[in-house]
Amino acid sequence: MTWPEGGARVAASAVGSEAILVVVGYEGPSIVTPTADADPVTHARSDFRLGHWVIPDERADVYMYRAAWVPDGEGRDWEEAADIAVDWVLSEAHGRGAPPLVIANGKNSVTDVGRLGQLGRQYGVATPRSRDLTRGRGAVLAYVPTLEALEMAVRVARGSSLCVVEGFAQPMAGWAVAVGAEDLTLPAVGTAAPLNSVLVEALERLVSYGNNGWGDQFGKQQAQRVLADLSREWRNPEFIAGYVIGKGRSARGAKNLQAIIRKLS
């Protein structure tokens, strides 16, 4: 695949064997069909590059914040990835007139990460152990978050903005899809398209059964039933965990769901 002149952003219109990608940002769309065994995480990191996927949701208030991410990518070091996020977060914070906040897995996680470390020293670094953090602050930058740190970032960012720098240990593609996050590594913003309708329906049904974190008997049974109907390439535990957190579920619940998925596999 070759890029159009001036660059373009890619929007995924489906996931799995029926997936297509739409290259936008220049004159006329170009449709590219991925391989039949493609999966959500592959799409998020494919050469086609994920722009952002928007999923219509009546519970929009669950994640009402502007979202962006910096996917983990070969040839981009941690400091470079953090710099991209810092620029976006500072712009968002300035526009909102409120100080930004860094969320990391540990207080010292960002100390030596260039400008991100400076941002943390100036405005503060919170971790999943932090207390008394409420939403309504300025823009939030979550640096290579665990599921727990991601849950916290989603909660604090409501009503504001959130940028996630993805690490290799915990993929963030599911969260990015759930909230329509803009990929800051791409040269231009494109038009988003919906996920495959079968997968969307299954994911939304999973979310609806997660009131008790898929820890009760009913929640487990319903999750098993929904997941059993999905093809294996769509039952990606990391992708689905990020997705349900993006939809407002807890990290504890996401991990319960991961365990159910792995037992099915």
Protein backbone atom coordinates (compact mmCIF):
# COMPACT_ATOMS: atom_id res chain seq x y z
CA MET A 1 0.00 0.00 0.00
CA THR A 2 1.28 3.48 -0.85
CA TRP A 3 0.28 6.70 0.87
CA PRO A 4 -1.39 9.50 -1.06
CA GLU A 5 0.48 12.74 -1.50
CA GLY A 6 0.40 14.89 1.60
CA GLY A 7 -0.49 11.95 3.83
CA ALA A 8 -3.87 10.75 5.01
CA ARG A 9 -5.56 9.21 7.98
CA VAL A 10 -7.15 5.80 7.87
CA ALA A 11 -10.53 4.95 9.34
CA ALA A 12 -11.43 1.32 9.94
CA SER A 13 -14.95 0.44 8.96
CA ALA A 14 -14.95 -3.10 10.28
CA VAL A 15 -12.93 -5.67 12.18
CA GLY A 16 -12.30 -9.28 11.33
CA SER A 17 -12.76 -11.11 8.04
CA GLU A 18 -15.30 -8.58 6.75
CA ALA A 19 -13.13 -5.57 7.55
CA ILE A 20 -12.30 -2.77 5.17
CA LEU A 21 -10.22 0.33 5.70
CA VAL A 22 -11.04 3.68 4.20
CA VAL A 23 -8.13 5.98 3.46
CA VAL A 24 -9.31 9.57 3.73
CA GLY A 25 -7.81 13.04 3.76
CA TYR A 26 -7.28 13.43 0.05
CA GLU A 27 -9.42 13.53 -3.09
CA GLY A 28 -11.61 10.44 -3.12
CA PRO A 29 -11.60 7.45 -0.73
CA SER A 30 -9.51 4.36 -1.30
CA ILE A 31 -10.84 1.04 -0.01
CA VAL A 32 -8.36 -1.54 1.24
CA THR A 33 -9.41 -5.03 2.31
CA PRO A 34 -7.21 -6.62 5.01
CA THR A 35 -6.47 -10.33 5.22
CA ALA A 36 -9.24 -12.68 6.29
CA ASP A 37 -7.60 -13.49 9.62
CA ALA A 38 -7.25 -9.87 10.68
CA ASP A 39 -8.16 -8.99 14.26
CA PRO A 40 -8.83 -5.72 16.11
CA VAL A 41 -5.32 -5.31 17.49
CA THR A 42 -3.79 -6.07 14.10
CA HIS A 43 -5.89 -3.29 12.61
CA ALA A 44 -4.79 -0.87 15.29
CA ARG A 45 -1.15 -1.55 14.47
CA SER A 46 -1.29 -2.50 10.79
CA ASP A 47 0.51 -0.70 8.02
CA PHE A 48 -2.84 0.83 7.18
CA ARG A 49 -2.69 2.75 10.49
CA LEU A 50 -5.76 3.26 12.64
CA GLY A 51 -7.15 6.76 12.60
CA HIS A 52 -10.08 6.49 14.96
CA TRP A 53 -13.24 4.44 15.12
CA VAL A 54 -16.42 5.96 16.46
CA ILE A 55 -19.06 3.71 17.92
CA PRO A 56 -22.51 5.25 18.45
CA ASP A 57 -23.45 4.86 22.09
CA GLU A 58 -26.44 6.13 24.05
CA ARG A 59 -24.24 6.18 27.17
CA ALA A 60 -22.00 8.92 25.78
CA ASP A 61 -21.88 10.59 29.18
CA VAL A 62 -19.83 7.63 30.46
CA TYR A 63 -16.77 8.78 28.56
CA MET A 64 -17.52 12.40 27.66
CA TYR A 65 -14.03 13.67 27.03
CA ARG A 66 -11.89 14.39 24.02
CA ALA A 67 -9.58 11.43 23.44
CA ALA A 68 -6.26 10.91 21.71
CA TRP A 69 -3.50 8.33 21.87
CA VAL A 70 0.06 7.61 20.84
CA PRO A 71 0.23 3.93 19.84
CA ASP A 72 3.34 1.93 20.60
CA GLY A 73 5.34 1.77 17.40
CA GLU A 74 8.68 0.50 16.13
CA GLY A 75 11.25 3.21 15.61
CA ARG A 76 9.67 5.56 18.16
CA ASP A 77 11.29 5.71 21.59
CA TRP A 78 9.50 6.49 24.84
CA GLU A 79 10.61 10.09 24.98
CA GLU A 80 9.46 10.78 21.43
CA ALA A 81 6.09 9.20 22.12
CA ALA A 82 5.74 11.21 25.32
CA ASP A 83 6.65 14.45 23.53
CA ILE A 84 3.77 13.95 21.08
CA ALA A 85 1.36 13.51 23.97
CA VAL A 86 2.77 16.43 25.96
CA ASP A 87 2.24 18.81 23.04
CA TRP A 88 -1.39 17.71 22.68
CA VAL A 89 -2.14 17.85 26.39
CA LEU A 90 -0.60 21.29 26.85
CA SER A 91 -2.66 22.59 23.93
CA GLU A 92 -5.82 21.09 25.44
CA ALA A 93 -5.01 22.47 28.90
CA HIS A 94 -4.42 25.93 27.49
CA GLY A 95 -7.69 25.84 25.59
CA ARG A 96 -9.59 24.74 28.69
CA GLY A 97 -7.87 27.12 31.07
CA ALA A 98 -7.11 24.37 33.59
CA PRO A 99 -3.82 22.71 34.61
CA PRO A 100 -3.03 19.28 33.14
CA LEU A 101 -2.33 16.15 35.13
CA VAL A 102 -0.03 13.20 34.47
CA ILE A 103 -1.25 9.74 35.47
CA ALA A 104 1.37 6.99 35.65
CA ASN A 105 1.71 3.56 37.20
CA GLY A 106 4.17 4.89 39.78
CA LYS A 107 5.31 8.28 41.03
CA ASN A 108 8.78 7.83 39.54
CA SER A 109 7.64 6.32 36.23
CA VAL A 110 7.99 9.57 34.30
CA THR A 111 10.88 11.23 36.15
CA ASP A 112 13.47 10.65 33.43
CA VAL A 113 11.19 10.87 30.39
CA GLY A 114 12.26 14.25 29.04
CA ARG A 115 9.51 16.87 28.81
CA LEU A 116 6.99 14.49 30.35
CA GLY A 117 9.07 14.47 33.51
CA GLN A 118 9.06 18.27 33.49
CA LEU A 119 5.28 18.28 33.03
CA GLY A 120 4.88 15.95 35.99
CA ARG A 121 7.11 18.03 38.22
CA GLN A 122 5.26 21.22 37.31
CA TYR A 123 1.67 19.99 37.52
CA GLY A 124 1.80 16.74 39.46
CA VAL A 125 1.79 13.00 38.89
CA ALA A 126 -1.05 10.80 40.13
CA THR A 127 -1.09 7.01 40.35
CA PRO A 128 -3.81 4.43 41.01
CA ARG A 129 -2.87 4.77 44.69
CA SER A 130 -3.64 8.50 44.72
CA ARG A 131 -6.69 9.68 46.59
CA ASP A 132 -9.16 12.55 46.34
CA LEU A 133 -8.84 13.00 42.61
CA THR A 134 -12.08 14.13 40.99
CA ARG A 135 -13.07 14.85 37.44
CA GLY A 136 -13.25 18.36 36.09
CA ARG A 137 -9.51 19.08 36.05
CA GLY A 138 -7.62 20.00 32.92
CA ALA A 139 -6.36 17.60 30.28
CA VAL A 140 -4.98 14.25 31.46
CA LEU A 141 -1.95 12.41 30.08
CA ALA A 142 -1.85 8.70 30.95
CA TYR A 143 1.62 7.29 30.38
CA VAL A 144 1.86 3.57 29.45
CA PRO A 145 -1.01 2.83 31.86
CA THR A 146 -2.01 -0.46 33.37
CA LEU A 147 -5.73 -1.20 33.31
CA GLU A 148 -5.99 0.33 36.79
CA ALA A 149 -4.25 3.53 35.71
CA LEU A 150 -6.42 3.67 32.58
CA GLU A 151 -9.59 3.36 34.66
CA MET A 152 -8.39 6.21 36.85
CA ALA A 153 -7.50 8.37 33.84
CA VAL A 154 -10.93 7.83 32.29
CA ARG A 155 -12.61 8.85 35.55
CA VAL A 156 -10.51 11.98 36.05
CA ALA A 157 -10.72 13.07 32.39
CA ARG A 158 -14.51 13.16 32.19
CA GLY A 159 -15.58 16.57 31.01
CA SER A 160 -12.06 17.33 29.79
CA SER A 161 -9.46 15.60 27.59
CA LEU A 162 -7.38 12.44 27.80
CA CYS A 163 -4.28 11.37 25.89
CA VAL A 164 -2.86 7.87 26.39
CA VAL A 165 0.69 6.85 25.54
CA GLU A 166 0.55 3.12 24.90
CA GLY A 167 3.16 0.75 26.28
CA PHE A 168 4.00 -2.71 24.98
CA ALA A 169 2.80 -4.45 28.15
CA GLN A 170 -0.82 -3.25 27.97
CA PRO A 171 -2.32 -2.61 24.52
CA MET A 172 -4.68 0.38 24.31
CA ALA A 173 -6.36 -0.27 20.95
CA GLY A 174 -9.61 -1.40 22.58
CA TRP A 175 -9.92 1.80 24.60
CA ALA A 176 -9.04 3.88 21.53
CA VAL A 177 -11.79 2.22 19.52
CA ALA A 178 -14.37 2.55 22.30
CA VAL A 179 -13.94 6.31 22.62
CA GLY A 180 -12.93 7.23 19.07
CA ALA A 181 -9.47 8.38 20.10
CA GLU A 182 -7.44 10.35 17.59
CA ASP A 183 -4.13 8.75 16.64
CA LEU A 184 -1.59 11.55 17.09
CA THR A 185 1.07 9.75 15.06
CA LEU A 186 -0.86 10.20 11.81
CA PRO A 187 -0.46 13.21 9.54
CA ALA A 188 -4.10 14.25 9.08
CA VAL A 189 -7.50 13.74 10.66
CA GLY A 190 -9.90 11.58 8.66
CA THR A 191 -13.52 10.55 8.81
CA ALA A 192 -14.29 7.75 11.24
CA ALA A 193 -16.38 4.75 10.28
CA PRO A 194 -18.16 2.16 12.43
CA LEU A 195 -16.87 -1.24 13.47
CA ASN A 196 -18.35 -4.43 12.09
CA SER A 197 -21.95 -4.48 13.35
CA VAL A 198 -21.74 -8.04 14.69
CA LEU A 199 -18.70 -7.22 16.81
CA VAL A 200 -20.21 -3.92 17.99
CA GLU A 201 -23.37 -5.69 19.13
CA ALA A 202 -21.36 -8.33 20.99
CA LEU A 203 -19.14 -5.77 22.70
CA GLU A 204 -22.11 -3.66 23.76
CA ARG A 205 -23.87 -6.72 25.15
CA LEU A 206 -20.75 -7.55 27.14
CA VAL A 207 -20.67 -4.02 28.56
CA SER A 208 -24.35 -4.24 29.50
CA TYR A 209 -23.71 -7.38 31.57
CA GLY A 210 -20.79 -5.80 33.43
CA ASN A 211 -22.60 -3.95 36.21
CA ASN A 212 -21.03 -6.29 38.76
CA GLY A 213 -17.74 -6.60 36.95
CA TRP A 214 -18.62 -9.98 35.44
CA GLY A 215 -17.91 -11.40 38.87
CA ASP A 216 -21.38 -12.68 39.68
CA GLN A 217 -22.81 -15.89 38.27
CA PHE A 218 -25.25 -14.16 35.94
CA GLY A 219 -22.61 -11.80 34.54
CA LYS A 220 -20.17 -14.65 33.97
CA GLN A 221 -22.75 -16.81 32.22
CA GLN A 222 -23.91 -14.02 29.94
CA ALA A 223 -20.34 -13.04 29.08
CA GLN A 224 -19.49 -16.66 28.25
CA ARG A 225 -22.54 -16.90 26.01
CA VAL A 226 -21.73 -13.69 24.13
CA LEU A 227 -18.05 -14.55 23.74
CA ALA A 228 -18.73 -18.09 22.59
CA ASP A 229 -20.57 -16.67 19.57
CA LEU A 230 -17.56 -14.60 18.51
CA SER A 231 -14.88 -15.96 16.22
CA ARG A 232 -11.53 -16.62 17.90
CA GLU A 233 -9.73 -13.68 16.30
CA TRP A 234 -12.27 -11.30 17.84
CA ARG A 235 -11.87 -12.74 21.34
CA ASN A 236 -8.74 -10.75 22.12
CA PRO A 237 -8.58 -10.28 25.92
CA GLU A 238 -6.40 -7.15 25.82
CA PHE A 239 -8.52 -5.45 23.19
CA ILE A 240 -11.81 -6.24 24.94
CA ALA A 241 -10.46 -5.20 28.36
CA GLY A 242 -9.47 -1.79 27.02
CA TYR A 243 -12.79 -1.46 25.25
CA VAL A 244 -14.94 -2.06 28.33
CA ILE A 245 -12.86 0.39 30.40
CA GLY A 246 -13.43 2.92 27.65
CA LYS A 247 -17.13 2.28 28.14
CA GLY A 248 -16.88 3.04 31.85
CA ARG A 249 -16.32 -0.39 33.38
CA SER A 250 -13.70 -1.05 36.04
CA ALA A 251 -10.22 -2.53 35.72
CA ARG A 252 -11.26 -5.27 38.14
CA GLY A 253 -14.18 -6.13 35.90
CA ALA A 254 -12.00 -6.00 32.79
CA LYS A 255 -9.62 -8.51 34.36
CA ASN A 256 -12.53 -10.79 35.26
CA LEU A 257 -13.59 -10.63 31.63
CA GLN A 258 -10.08 -11.42 30.46
CA ALA A 259 -10.07 -14.54 32.62
CA ILE A 260 -13.37 -15.66 31.08
CA ILE A 261 -12.00 -15.10 27.58
CA ARG A 262 -8.82 -17.05 28.26
CA LYS A 263 -10.78 -20.01 29.62
CA LEU A 264 -12.81 -20.09 26.40
CA SER A 265 -9.63 -20.06 24.35
